[in-house]
Amino acid sequence: MNLARVLDEIEFPTANRDLWRAIAEKTLAGQAIDSALVSHTADDIRIDPILERDPTGSFLPRKLSEGRWAVVQRIDDPDPVRANRQALEDIEQGATGLSLVFEGAPNAFGYGLPASPEALETVLDEIPLARTYVRMDIHPASRAVADWFVAYLTRRRADPAKLSLCFGIDPAAIFAGTGRLSMSIEALQASMPQSLAHFFALGVPGVLLEADGRVYHNAGATEAQELGAMLASAAAHLRLFEDARQALVYAAPHIGFAVSVDQDQFVSMAKIRALRKLWARLLEVCSIPPSPATIHAETSWRMLTAADPETNVLRSTIACFAAAVGGADSISVLPHTLSHGLPNGFARRIARNTQLVAASESHLDFVADPSSGSGSIEALTDALCEHAWDEFRAIEREGGILRSLADGKLQQRIVESRDERVRKFNAGERHIVGTTIYRRDSERPVETLTAEKRPMPTDGAVHCPKLEALRIDQLIGGQ
């Protein structure tokens, strides 16, 4: 029997929305579809259970032409020698990038490398820079770190043109995450153009300025608030390049983005896609030729739990998947025990292999933008763009990202969103497996490395209400 011929002769009923709705209503036994199957994001964006394919959907692949994202490992051990061993092992075992996190950074979570040129040189000893993507996490001394790194490259006689770098400079994220700036906003805006011109003269490639949304996400921002804040930071970066008398057509490729991804798979996918569309729109209104966004995605700190930490592996896997198919250029997975302390080798290996399995076994990089044309993802992407653009315009009306932070206006909206999310968890409208439901009777001990947490400096010339990076399990009642 020719199975193919038999299948060709079988007539299947044509699937359509009305047929699906009839079957769904019968299955729900009188319960309304809207109440049972329709959900909403934190920005009150409606997510329907089924949408027809969008034939006009956008095609938004990652920037890297070869399709593979950079597998980035977090380097945040306060002991530079131990951090170097970790970095060498990560590269040997498949990582293609390193994220250097220094103490005092908003995303250091109490740890981080010592902020000194000696520590930087120790950590990078024997690292194959020509084939390793190196990014500096945002830090109050980011510009100093950039100078140290350039000096280090000179001593190693490395060719900057062959390197893939990100210096992670974002004054707004520093201001929001630490609550302080070392100089006034006016002095900062006056000094940055000179620094940018200096780096242009050196011919250092890669991302100089980064619009970092992780600070806002980890403090409780909605997806649209995170995107809007990043877009406002990117606009501020463009103004700095303009003040430095640098042609914006050459400046745009030196601006990158860092975004958080969490266990909400489809929303995280749409958020990365929306970021690409928003950046393209910002360049368009500024009359700048198109330049693809460079996007780094990091799994969410706020979704990690201390209870039953193995469940964090599942959340991080979903977040990693969303970042990969959403089109991130580089991804960093936070180790699942970070909520308990400085992760050991086993936790770091799990974080690294989460990406390697996704790339090497699941082949998530084989298809560029696989969600293109999906009715649900396209609708969610467009809705996020609209809400994020509204947030961006609100920040601009408040005088720009730095002024909005100085006046505490953006922080107020984020805290309100965070409090609403907490209310839903406490009311039982949302759940955390292993924490609010299905909690273990007793917890197994978690092994971490010995490292003392370091307080964040509080000195500064200008202060603003600080956005605290808080896990959701720290906020809900009884935890």
Protein backbone atom coordinates (compact mmCIF):
# COMPACT_ATOMS: atom_id res chain seq x y z
CA MET A 1 0.00 0.00 0.00
CA ASN A 2 1.26 3.44 -0.95
CA LEU A 3 0.72 5.45 2.26
CA ALA A 4 1.36 8.78 0.54
CA ARG A 5 -1.33 8.04 -2.06
CA VAL A 6 -3.82 7.01 0.63
CA LEU A 7 -3.20 10.21 2.58
CA ASP A 8 -3.66 12.28 -0.58
CA GLU A 9 -7.08 10.74 -1.11
CA ILE A 10 -8.30 11.47 2.43
CA GLU A 11 -10.30 14.67 2.67
CA PHE A 12 -9.73 16.51 5.95
CA PRO A 13 -12.21 19.21 6.99
CA THR A 14 -10.91 22.73 6.42
CA ALA A 15 -9.83 24.24 9.72
CA ASN A 16 -11.17 27.71 10.48
CA ARG A 17 -11.74 29.98 13.44
CA ASP A 18 -15.47 29.27 13.71
CA LEU A 19 -14.88 25.50 13.86
CA TRP A 20 -12.23 25.95 16.55
CA ARG A 21 -14.52 28.23 18.56
CA ALA A 22 -17.36 25.73 18.44
CA ILE A 23 -15.11 22.92 19.68
CA ALA A 24 -13.62 25.17 22.37
CA GLU A 25 -17.02 26.27 23.68
CA LYS A 26 -18.18 22.64 23.83
CA THR A 27 -15.05 21.65 25.74
CA LEU A 28 -15.42 24.55 28.19
CA ALA A 29 -18.99 23.40 28.97
CA GLY A 30 -20.54 26.86 29.05
CA GLN A 31 -17.58 28.79 30.44
CA ALA A 32 -16.84 31.91 28.41
CA ILE A 33 -13.77 31.73 26.18
CA ASP A 34 -12.65 35.22 27.19
CA SER A 35 -12.54 34.35 30.88
CA ALA A 36 -11.06 30.88 30.39
CA LEU A 37 -8.56 31.26 27.56
CA VAL A 38 -7.79 34.97 27.10
CA SER A 39 -4.92 36.38 29.15
CA HIS A 40 -3.33 39.81 29.57
CA THR A 41 0.24 41.00 30.04
CA ALA A 42 1.36 43.34 32.81
CA ASP A 43 0.74 46.18 30.34
CA ASP A 44 -2.85 44.92 29.93
CA ILE A 45 -2.15 43.71 26.39
CA ARG A 46 -4.73 41.13 25.41
CA ILE A 47 -3.40 37.70 24.36
CA ASP A 48 -5.99 35.68 22.46
CA PRO A 49 -5.81 31.87 22.48
CA ILE A 50 -5.77 31.66 18.68
CA LEU A 51 -5.07 34.09 15.86
CA GLU A 52 -4.79 33.57 12.13
CA ARG A 53 -1.41 33.72 10.44
CA ASP A 54 -0.23 37.21 9.54
CA PRO A 55 1.04 37.06 5.92
CA THR A 56 2.47 40.59 6.25
CA GLY A 57 4.53 39.75 9.35
CA SER A 58 7.92 41.36 9.86
CA PHE A 59 11.14 39.43 9.33
CA LEU A 60 13.48 40.36 12.20
CA PRO A 61 16.55 38.08 12.35
CA ARG A 62 19.46 38.66 14.74
CA LYS A 63 22.24 40.94 13.58
CA LEU A 64 24.92 38.26 13.26
CA SER A 65 24.98 37.07 9.67
CA GLU A 66 25.94 33.50 10.57
CA GLY A 67 22.84 33.10 12.71
CA ARG A 68 24.49 31.73 15.86
CA TRP A 69 24.25 33.85 18.98
CA ALA A 70 27.19 34.34 21.34
CA VAL A 71 27.05 31.98 24.34
CA VAL A 72 28.04 34.35 27.14
CA GLN A 73 29.11 33.33 30.63
CA ARG A 74 28.89 35.70 33.58
CA ILE A 75 32.26 36.43 35.30
CA ASP A 76 31.52 38.00 38.69
CA ASP A 77 33.78 36.26 41.23
CA PRO A 78 35.41 38.81 43.60
CA ASP A 79 38.60 36.67 43.44
CA PRO A 80 40.21 37.56 40.07
CA VAL A 81 42.40 34.43 40.03
CA ARG A 82 39.43 32.14 40.59
CA ALA A 83 37.43 34.17 38.06
CA ASN A 84 40.17 33.61 35.48
CA ARG A 85 40.00 29.85 36.03
CA GLN A 86 36.24 30.00 35.58
CA ALA A 87 36.58 32.01 32.37
CA LEU A 88 39.17 29.65 30.89
CA GLU A 89 36.99 26.64 31.72
CA ASP A 90 33.93 28.32 30.21
CA ILE A 91 35.75 29.01 26.94
CA GLU A 92 37.24 25.51 26.86
CA GLN A 93 33.80 23.97 27.43
CA GLY A 94 31.95 25.82 24.68
CA ALA A 95 31.22 29.40 25.74
CA THR A 96 31.99 31.98 23.06
CA GLY A 97 31.64 35.11 25.16
CA LEU A 98 32.31 36.54 28.63
CA SER A 99 30.39 39.19 30.56
CA LEU A 100 32.67 40.94 33.06
CA VAL A 101 30.62 42.10 36.04
CA PHE A 102 32.40 44.48 38.43
CA GLU A 103 31.52 45.15 42.06
CA GLY A 104 29.20 48.10 42.59
CA ALA A 105 27.32 47.42 39.34
CA PRO A 106 23.51 47.29 39.55
CA ASN A 107 23.55 43.75 38.16
CA ALA A 108 26.35 42.48 40.41
CA PHE A 109 23.80 41.36 43.05
CA GLY A 110 26.37 41.81 45.82
CA TYR A 111 29.41 40.26 44.11
CA GLY A 112 31.57 41.30 41.17
CA LEU A 113 35.20 41.67 40.11
CA PRO A 114 37.32 44.29 41.87
CA ALA A 115 37.21 47.51 39.84
CA SER A 116 40.91 47.80 39.08
CA PRO A 117 43.15 47.42 36.00
CA GLU A 118 45.06 44.63 37.78
CA ALA A 119 41.89 42.60 38.27
CA LEU A 120 40.92 43.07 34.62
CA GLU A 121 44.33 41.90 33.43
CA THR A 122 44.25 38.87 35.73
CA VAL A 123 40.79 37.79 34.62
CA LEU A 124 41.67 38.03 30.91
CA ASP A 125 45.02 36.26 31.20
CA GLU A 126 45.32 33.66 28.40
CA ILE A 127 41.76 34.31 27.18
CA PRO A 128 41.71 34.04 23.34
CA LEU A 129 40.39 37.54 22.72
CA ALA A 130 40.34 37.20 18.93
CA ARG A 131 37.60 34.55 19.13
CA THR A 132 35.81 35.59 22.32
CA TYR A 133 33.04 38.15 22.58
CA VAL A 134 33.88 40.31 25.63
CA ARG A 135 31.31 42.60 27.19
CA MET A 136 31.70 44.88 30.20
CA ASP A 137 28.63 44.99 32.39
CA ILE A 138 27.37 48.48 33.25
CA HIS A 139 29.32 49.97 36.15
CA PRO A 140 29.82 53.43 37.72
CA ALA A 141 33.43 53.34 36.48
CA SER A 142 32.58 52.04 33.00
CA ARG A 143 34.62 54.69 31.22
CA ALA A 144 37.65 53.94 33.39
CA VAL A 145 37.24 50.22 32.70
CA ALA A 146 37.18 50.98 28.98
CA ASP A 147 40.49 52.86 29.31
CA TRP A 148 42.01 49.96 31.26
CA PHE A 149 40.87 47.52 28.61
CA VAL A 150 42.29 49.56 25.74
CA ALA A 151 45.60 49.81 27.59
CA TYR A 152 45.54 46.07 28.16
CA LEU A 153 44.94 45.43 24.46
CA THR A 154 47.91 47.65 23.65
CA ARG A 155 50.19 45.65 25.94
CA ARG A 156 48.97 42.40 24.38
CA ARG A 157 49.44 43.88 20.91
CA ALA A 158 45.92 42.81 20.01
CA ASP A 159 44.33 44.16 16.85
CA PRO A 160 41.08 45.91 17.93
CA ALA A 161 39.62 45.47 14.45
CA LYS A 162 39.55 41.69 14.99
CA LEU A 163 37.76 41.84 18.33
CA SER A 164 34.09 41.69 19.29
CA LEU A 165 33.50 44.04 22.22
CA CYS A 166 30.83 45.80 24.26
CA PHE A 167 31.82 48.44 26.80
CA GLY A 168 28.36 48.63 28.36
CA ILE A 169 28.35 52.36 29.16
CA ASP A 170 24.87 53.52 30.22
CA PRO A 171 24.69 56.49 32.62
CA ALA A 172 20.91 56.16 32.98
CA ALA A 173 21.05 52.52 34.10
CA ILE A 174 23.82 53.40 36.56
CA PHE A 175 21.76 56.31 37.89
CA ALA A 176 18.65 54.15 38.27
CA GLY A 177 20.38 51.07 39.70
CA THR A 178 22.73 52.79 42.15
CA GLY A 179 20.72 55.93 42.88
CA ARG A 180 23.73 58.16 42.26
CA LEU A 181 25.98 59.81 39.71
CA SER A 182 29.57 60.89 40.32
CA MET A 183 28.86 64.26 38.69
CA SER A 184 25.89 66.43 37.83
CA ILE A 185 23.70 65.55 34.86
CA GLU A 186 24.91 68.68 33.09
CA ALA A 187 28.57 67.82 33.71
CA LEU A 188 27.99 64.25 32.54
CA GLN A 189 26.34 65.37 29.33
CA ALA A 190 29.18 67.81 28.72
CA SER A 191 31.98 65.28 29.35
CA MET A 192 30.63 62.25 27.47
CA PRO A 193 31.08 63.65 23.94
CA GLN A 194 34.81 64.12 24.55
CA SER A 195 35.13 60.53 25.76
CA LEU A 196 33.24 59.24 22.73
CA ALA A 197 35.46 61.21 20.38
CA HIS A 198 38.47 59.70 22.16
CA PHE A 199 37.25 56.15 21.53
CA PHE A 200 36.42 56.92 17.92
CA ALA A 201 39.97 58.16 17.44
CA LEU A 202 41.32 54.86 18.83
CA GLY A 203 39.31 52.91 16.27
CA VAL A 204 37.90 50.55 18.89
CA PRO A 205 35.07 48.51 17.34
CA GLY A 206 31.89 47.22 18.91
CA VAL A 207 29.28 48.74 21.21
CA LEU A 208 30.40 51.77 23.20
CA LEU A 209 27.07 52.85 24.68
CA GLU A 210 24.38 50.42 25.76
CA ALA A 211 20.74 50.99 26.61
CA ASP A 212 20.32 48.56 29.50
CA GLY A 213 16.79 47.52 30.44
CA ARG A 214 17.73 44.90 33.03
CA VAL A 215 17.85 47.44 35.85
CA TYR A 216 14.24 48.42 35.22
CA HIS A 217 13.04 44.84 34.69
CA ASN A 218 14.62 43.51 37.87
CA ALA A 219 13.04 46.37 39.84
CA GLY A 220 9.58 45.35 38.64
CA ALA A 221 8.99 47.16 35.33
CA THR A 222 6.51 45.88 32.78
CA GLU A 223 7.77 44.89 29.35
CA ALA A 224 6.64 48.19 27.82
CA GLN A 225 8.27 50.20 30.61
CA GLU A 226 11.54 48.33 30.11
CA LEU A 227 11.43 48.87 26.34
CA GLY A 228 10.43 52.52 26.69
CA ALA A 229 13.29 53.21 29.12
CA MET A 230 15.78 51.54 26.77
CA LEU A 231 14.52 53.56 23.83
CA ALA A 232 14.84 56.78 25.88
CA SER A 233 18.43 55.82 26.79
CA ALA A 234 19.21 55.11 23.13
CA ALA A 235 17.84 58.53 22.16
CA ALA A 236 20.03 60.12 24.84
CA HIS A 237 23.04 58.23 23.43
CA LEU A 238 22.33 59.58 19.95
CA ARG A 239 22.27 63.11 21.36
CA LEU A 240 25.67 62.52 22.96
CA PHE A 241 27.14 61.42 19.63
CA GLU A 242 25.60 64.48 18.02
CA ASP A 243 27.19 66.73 20.68
CA ALA A 244 30.51 64.98 19.98
CA ARG A 245 30.12 66.07 16.34
CA GLN A 246 30.07 62.46 15.20
CA ALA A 247 27.95 61.56 12.18
CA LEU A 248 24.94 59.65 13.50
CA VAL A 249 25.11 57.21 10.59
CA TYR A 250 28.41 56.01 12.06
CA ALA A 251 27.23 56.33 15.67
CA ALA A 252 24.20 54.03 15.46
CA PRO A 253 26.21 50.75 15.16
CA HIS A 254 28.05 51.67 18.38
CA ILE A 255 24.81 51.70 20.40
CA GLY A 256 23.57 48.37 21.77
CA PHE A 257 20.85 47.03 24.05
CA ALA A 258 20.70 44.69 27.06
CA VAL A 259 17.33 43.17 27.89
CA SER A 260 15.93 40.71 30.42
CA VAL A 261 14.04 37.57 29.39
CA ASP A 262 11.94 35.50 31.75
CA GLN A 263 9.76 32.40 31.91
CA ASP A 264 6.94 34.06 29.94
CA GLN A 265 8.15 32.60 26.65
CA PHE A 266 5.97 34.35 24.09
CA VAL A 267 6.14 37.75 25.77
CA SER A 268 9.95 37.51 25.96
CA MET A 269 10.13 36.54 22.29
CA ALA A 270 7.91 39.46 21.33
CA LYS A 271 9.88 41.86 23.54
CA ILE A 272 13.13 41.22 21.66
CA ARG A 273 11.35 41.50 18.30
CA ALA A 274 9.64 44.72 19.44
CA LEU A 275 13.00 46.16 20.46
CA ARG A 276 14.31 45.72 16.91
CA LYS A 277 11.25 47.44 15.46
CA LEU A 278 11.43 50.30 17.99
CA TRP A 279 15.11 50.93 17.25
CA ALA A 280 14.38 50.96 13.53
CA ARG A 281 11.56 53.46 14.12
CA LEU A 282 13.77 55.71 16.26
CA LEU A 283 16.43 55.78 13.54
CA GLU A 284 13.76 56.55 10.97
CA VAL A 285 12.35 59.56 12.84
CA CYS A 286 15.92 60.82 13.35
CA SER A 287 16.59 60.48 9.59
CA ILE A 288 19.36 57.94 10.24
CA PRO A 289 19.85 55.08 7.75
CA PRO A 290 18.79 51.65 9.09
CA SER A 291 21.26 49.93 11.41
CA PRO A 292 20.35 46.56 12.98
CA ALA A 293 20.10 46.56 16.77
CA THR A 294 22.76 44.66 18.73
CA ILE A 295 20.85 42.91 21.52
CA HIS A 296 22.23 41.10 24.56
CA ALA A 297 19.66 39.05 26.52
CA GLU A 298 20.11 37.92 30.11
CA THR A 299 17.76 35.65 32.00
CA SER A 300 15.76 37.45 34.64
CA TRP A 301 17.08 37.92 38.18
CA ARG A 302 13.64 38.74 39.55
CA MET A 303 12.19 35.36 38.45
CA LEU A 304 14.79 33.35 40.40
CA THR A 305 13.60 31.74 43.62
CA ALA A 306 15.44 30.68 46.74
CA ALA A 307 12.96 27.88 47.48
CA ASP A 308 13.45 24.74 45.36
CA PRO A 309 16.19 26.41 43.27
CA GLU A 310 16.21 23.55 40.74
CA THR A 311 12.98 25.02 39.35
CA ASN A 312 15.11 27.99 38.28
CA VAL A 313 16.73 25.70 35.71
CA LEU A 314 13.35 25.24 34.02
CA ARG A 315 12.59 28.97 34.06
CA SER A 316 16.01 29.82 32.67
CA THR A 317 15.67 27.22 29.92
CA ILE A 318 12.39 28.74 28.77
CA ALA A 319 13.89 32.23 28.93
CA CYS A 320 16.96 31.10 26.97
CA PHE A 321 14.72 29.51 24.33
CA ALA A 322 12.71 32.73 24.03
CA ALA A 323 15.88 34.82 23.64
CA ALA A 324 17.27 32.48 21.00
CA VAL A 325 14.19 32.28 18.80
CA GLY A 326 13.41 35.95 19.47
CA GLY A 327 16.70 36.87 17.84
CA ALA A 328 19.14 37.95 20.57
CA ASP A 329 22.74 38.39 19.37
CA SER A 330 24.20 37.19 22.67
CA ILE A 331 22.65 35.41 25.65
CA SER A 332 23.71 35.01 29.27
CA VAL A 333 21.95 32.51 31.56
CA LEU A 334 22.12 33.32 35.27
CA PRO A 335 23.13 30.22 37.30
CA HIS A 336 20.17 28.72 39.13
CA THR A 337 21.77 29.04 42.59
CA LEU A 338 22.57 32.76 42.30
CA SER A 339 19.69 33.48 44.68
CA HIS A 340 21.68 31.64 47.39
CA GLY A 341 25.16 33.01 46.78
CA LEU A 342 28.06 32.95 44.35
CA PRO A 343 27.45 29.94 42.06
CA ASN A 344 29.91 27.05 42.03
CA GLY A 345 31.23 25.13 39.03
CA PHE A 346 28.21 22.84 38.78
CA ALA A 347 25.70 25.70 38.62
CA ARG A 348 27.87 27.53 36.09
CA ARG A 349 28.04 24.36 33.96
CA ILE A 350 24.24 24.02 33.97
CA ALA A 351 23.90 27.66 32.88
CA ARG A 352 26.45 27.19 30.09
CA ASN A 353 25.06 23.89 28.84
CA THR A 354 21.52 25.27 28.73
CA GLN A 355 22.66 27.39 25.79
CA LEU A 356 24.89 24.75 24.23
CA VAL A 357 22.07 22.20 24.12
CA ALA A 358 19.75 24.83 22.63
CA ALA A 359 22.27 25.60 19.89
CA SER A 360 24.04 22.31 19.23
CA GLU A 361 21.23 19.80 19.84
CA SER A 362 18.00 21.72 19.43
CA HIS A 363 19.45 23.82 16.56
CA LEU A 364 17.49 26.91 17.49
CA ASP A 365 19.80 28.96 15.28
CA PHE A 366 18.88 27.08 12.08
CA VAL A 367 15.87 29.30 11.33
CA ALA A 368 16.04 33.08 11.35
CA ASP A 369 13.09 34.64 13.20
CA PRO A 370 10.89 31.49 13.24
CA SER A 371 7.96 33.39 14.78
CA SER A 372 7.69 35.76 11.82
CA GLY A 373 4.15 35.66 10.50
CA SER A 374 2.69 34.05 13.62
CA GLY A 375 -0.54 35.89 14.28
CA SER A 376 -0.10 35.77 18.06
CA ILE A 377 3.55 36.83 18.13
CA GLU A 378 3.11 39.54 15.51
CA ALA A 379 0.10 41.00 17.37
CA LEU A 380 1.96 40.89 20.67
CA THR A 381 5.07 42.46 19.09
CA ASP A 382 3.07 45.34 17.61
CA ALA A 383 1.14 45.93 20.84
CA LEU A 384 4.38 46.05 22.83
CA CYS A 385 5.76 48.56 20.33
CA GLU A 386 2.74 50.82 20.80
CA HIS A 387 2.84 50.69 24.60
CA ALA A 388 6.62 51.10 24.71
CA TRP A 389 6.48 54.09 22.37
CA ASP A 390 3.93 55.70 24.69
CA GLU A 391 6.30 55.15 27.63
CA PHE A 392 9.19 56.55 25.59
CA ARG A 393 7.19 59.69 24.77
CA ALA A 394 6.24 60.11 28.44
CA ILE A 395 9.92 59.96 29.44
CA GLU A 396 10.82 62.47 26.73
CA ARG A 397 8.10 64.85 27.99
CA GLU A 398 9.67 64.57 31.44
CA GLY A 399 12.96 65.92 30.05
CA GLY A 400 14.62 62.68 28.96
CA ILE A 401 15.71 59.57 30.82
CA LEU A 402 18.17 61.20 33.25
CA ARG A 403 15.80 64.01 34.22
CA SER A 404 12.88 61.60 34.63
CA LEU A 405 15.01 59.46 36.96
CA ALA A 406 16.27 62.50 38.89
CA ASP A 407 12.67 63.53 39.53
CA GLY A 408 11.66 59.97 40.44
CA LYS A 409 8.87 59.82 37.85
CA LEU A 410 9.94 56.69 35.99
CA GLN A 411 10.70 54.95 39.29
CA GLN A 412 7.20 55.72 40.55
CA ARG A 413 5.56 54.05 37.56
CA ILE A 414 7.82 51.00 37.90
CA VAL A 415 7.11 50.62 41.62
CA GLU A 416 3.38 50.82 40.92
CA SER A 417 3.72 48.02 38.36
CA ARG A 418 5.78 45.96 40.79
CA ASP A 419 3.21 46.41 43.56
CA GLU A 420 0.41 45.28 41.23
CA ARG A 421 2.38 42.15 40.33
CA VAL A 422 2.94 41.41 44.03
CA ARG A 423 -0.78 41.89 44.70
CA LYS A 424 -1.65 39.26 42.09
CA PHE A 425 0.74 36.73 43.62
CA ASN A 426 -0.60 37.36 47.11
CA ALA A 427 -4.19 37.11 45.83
CA GLY A 428 -3.47 33.75 44.20
CA GLU A 429 -4.02 35.09 40.69
CA ARG A 430 -0.45 34.12 39.77
CA HIS A 431 1.74 31.33 41.13
CA ILE A 432 5.37 30.27 41.49
CA VAL A 433 5.91 26.51 41.37
CA GLY A 434 7.98 25.42 44.35
CA THR A 435 7.31 28.66 46.23
CA THR A 436 3.61 29.57 46.35
CA ILE A 437 2.36 26.16 45.18
CA TYR A 438 3.79 22.64 45.34
CA ARG A 439 6.43 23.68 47.84
CA ARG A 440 8.80 21.05 49.23
CA ASP A 441 8.45 20.06 52.86
CA SER A 442 12.18 20.49 53.35
CA GLU A 443 14.87 22.14 51.25
CA ARG A 444 18.13 20.49 50.28
CA PRO A 445 21.31 22.41 51.12
CA VAL A 446 22.66 24.52 48.24
CA GLU A 447 26.39 24.62 47.60
CA THR A 448 27.92 27.97 46.67
CA LEU A 449 31.41 29.44 46.63
CA THR A 450 32.78 31.33 49.59
CA ALA A 451 32.52 35.03 48.85
CA GLU A 452 31.59 38.03 50.94
CA LYS A 453 28.82 40.24 49.65
CA ARG A 454 29.91 43.83 49.16
CA PRO A 455 27.70 46.84 49.82
CA MET A 456 27.04 49.23 46.96
CA PRO A 457 28.74 52.63 47.35
CA THR A 458 26.41 55.48 48.29
CA ASP A 459 28.58 58.52 47.57
CA GLY A 460 27.80 60.72 44.58
CA ALA A 461 27.23 64.24 43.37
CA VAL A 462 23.62 63.62 42.33
CA HIS A 463 21.13 61.19 43.83
CA CYS A 464 17.77 59.81 42.77
CA PRO A 465 15.32 57.21 44.14
CA LYS A 466 17.15 53.92 43.68
CA LEU A 467 15.58 51.03 41.80
CA GLU A 468 16.29 47.89 43.81
CA ALA A 469 16.82 44.59 42.01
CA LEU A 470 14.34 42.40 43.89
CA ARG A 471 13.29 38.83 43.23
CA ILE A 472 9.55 38.29 43.24
CA ASP A 473 9.84 35.62 45.96
CA GLN A 474 11.34 38.29 48.25
CA LEU A 475 8.28 40.48 47.82
CA ILE A 476 5.27 38.20 48.13
CA GLY A 477 3.72 37.72 51.54
CA GLY A 478 5.14 35.12 53.89
CA GLN A 479 8.42 34.66 52.00
